[in-house]
C-alpha atoms as a PDB file:
ATOM      1  CA  UNK A   1     -45.625 -21.035-206.679  1.00  0.00           C
ATOM      2  CA  UNK A   2     -42.037 -21.868-207.568  1.00  0.00           C
ATOM      3  CA  UNK A   3     -40.687 -18.596-206.159  1.00  0.00           C
ATOM      4  CA  UNK A   4     -42.577 -19.112-202.921  1.00  0.00           C
ATOM      5  CA  UNK A   5     -41.201 -22.601-202.479  1.00  0.00           C
ATOM      6  CA  UNK A   6     -37.670 -21.366-203.241  1.00  0.00           C
ATOM      7  CA  UNK A   7     -38.077 -18.510-200.758  1.00  0.00           C
ATOM      8  CA  UNK A   8     -38.570 -21.036-197.966  1.00  0.00           C
ATOM      9  CA  UNK A   9     -35.007 -22.357-198.307  1.00  0.00           C
ATOM     10  CA  UNK A  10     -31.876 -20.603-197.049  1.00  0.00           C
ATOM     11  CA  UNK A  11     -30.439 -20.263-200.553  1.00  0.00           C
ATOM     12  CA  UNK A  12     -33.760 -18.974-201.822  1.00  0.00           C
ATOM     13  CA  UNK A  13     -33.887 -16.311-199.099  1.00  0.00           C
ATOM     14  CA  UNK A  14     -30.369 -15.176-199.990  1.00  0.00           C
ATOM     15  CA  UNK A  15     -31.324 -14.927-203.663  1.00  0.00           C
ATOM     16  CA  UNK A  16     -34.478 -13.016-202.758  1.00  0.00           C
ATOM     17  CA  UNK A  17     -32.511 -10.495-200.677  1.00  0.00           C
ATOM     18  CA  UNK A  18     -30.082  -9.966-203.558  1.00  0.00           C
ATOM     19  CA  UNK A  19     -32.900  -9.648-206.076  1.00  0.00           C
ATOM     20  CA  UNK A  20     -34.735  -7.149-203.881  1.00  0.00           C
ATOM     21  CA  UNK A  21     -31.631  -4.978-203.572  1.00  0.00           C
ATOM     22  CA  UNK A  22     -31.043  -4.987-207.332  1.00  0.00           C
ATOM     23  CA  UNK A  23     -34.691  -4.268-208.133  1.00  0.00           C
ATOM     24  CA  UNK A  24     -34.753  -1.417-205.609  1.00  0.00           C
ATOM     25  CA  UNK A  25     -31.686   0.130-207.243  1.00  0.00           C
ATOM     26  CA  UNK A  26     -33.246  -0.162-210.678  1.00  0.00           C
ATOM     27  CA  UNK A  27     -36.528   1.316-209.446  1.00  0.00           C
ATOM     28  CA  UNK A  28     -34.713   4.266-207.884  1.00  0.00           C
ATOM     29  CA  UNK A  29     -32.879   4.878-211.139  1.00  0.00           C
ATOM     30  CA  UNK A  30     -36.147   4.589-213.063  1.00  0.00           C
ATOM     31  CA  UNK A  31     -37.823   7.141-210.793  1.00  0.00           C
ATOM     32  CA  UNK A  32     -34.973   9.583-211.336  1.00  0.00           C
ATOM     33  CA  UNK A  33     -34.590   9.074-215.086  1.00  0.00           C
ATOM     34  CA  UNK A  34     -38.150   8.482-216.233  1.00  0.00           C
ATOM     35  CA  UNK A  35     -39.997   6.203-218.613  1.00  0.00           C
ATOM     36  CA  UNK A  36     -38.555   7.157-221.946  1.00  0.00           C
ATOM     37  CA  UNK A  37     -35.180   7.769-223.506  1.00  0.00           C
ATOM     38  CA  UNK A  38     -34.344  11.452-223.542  1.00  0.00           C
ATOM     39  CA  UNK A  39     -32.123  11.500-226.612  1.00  0.00           C
ATOM     40  CA  UNK A  40     -31.817   9.814-229.978  1.00  0.00           C
ATOM     41  CA  UNK A  41     -28.979   7.385-230.242  1.00  0.00           C
ATOM     42  CA  UNK A  42     -27.435   4.804-227.990  1.00  0.00           C
ATOM     43  CA  UNK A  43     -24.332   6.790-227.060  1.00  0.00           C
ATOM     44  CA  UNK A  44     -26.179   9.809-225.647  1.00  0.00           C
ATOM     45  CA  UNK A  45     -28.715   7.664-223.799  1.00  0.00           C
ATOM     46  CA  UNK A  46     -26.000   5.488-222.297  1.00  0.00           C
ATOM     47  CA  UNK A  47     -24.250   8.643-221.085  1.00  0.00           C
ATOM     48  CA  UNK A  48     -27.557   9.869-219.621  1.00  0.00           C
ATOM     49  CA  UNK A  49     -28.098   6.534-217.863  1.00  0.00           C
ATOM     50  CA  UNK A  50     -24.609   6.634-216.364  1.00  0.00           C
ATOM     51  CA  UNK A  51     -25.103  10.248-215.307  1.00  0.00           C
ATOM     52  CA  UNK A  52     -28.305   9.348-213.486  1.00  0.00           C
ATOM     53  CA  UNK A  53     -26.620   6.333-211.891  1.00  0.00           C
ATOM     54  CA  UNK A  54     -23.803   8.568-210.628  1.00  0.00           C
ATOM     55  CA  UNK A  55     -26.315  11.035-209.193  1.00  0.00           C
ATOM     56  CA  UNK A  56     -28.164   8.196-207.489  1.00  0.00           C
ATOM     57  CA  UNK A  57     -24.906   6.906-205.978  1.00  0.00           C
ATOM     58  CA  UNK A  58     -23.995  10.387-204.734  1.00  0.00           C
ATOM     59  CA  UNK A  59     -27.445  10.715-203.206  1.00  0.00           C
ATOM     60  CA  UNK A  60     -26.988   7.420-201.356  1.00  0.00           C
ATOM     61  CA  UNK A  61     -23.583   8.535-200.064  1.00  0.00           C
ATOM     62  CA  UNK A  62     -25.073  11.840-198.901  1.00  0.00           C
ATOM     63  CA  UNK A  63     -27.871  10.037-197.073  1.00  0.00           C
ATOM     64  CA  UNK A  64     -25.369   7.727-195.353  1.00  0.00           C
ATOM     65  CA  UNK A  65     -23.242  10.681-194.249  1.00  0.00           C
ATOM     66  CA  UNK A  66     -26.285  12.512-192.925  1.00  0.00           C
ATOM     67  CA  UNK A  67     -27.338   9.454-190.916  1.00  0.00           C
ATOM     68  CA  UNK A  68     -23.884   9.015-189.350  1.00  0.00           C
END
């Protein structure tokens, strides 16, 4: 109920738009990377996360260029 009442205000709508954009980015990254960590150890998994994030960003750039 609290989120619905906040979404009715101008500030709440702005926060909702920001939250939606962030959650969409995280969901896209999750779809590309998967459910589980691929490697053992923080360092390798952090590298893998950053690699997938870079690929996602390149994919977005490619889609924007194709649309232009």
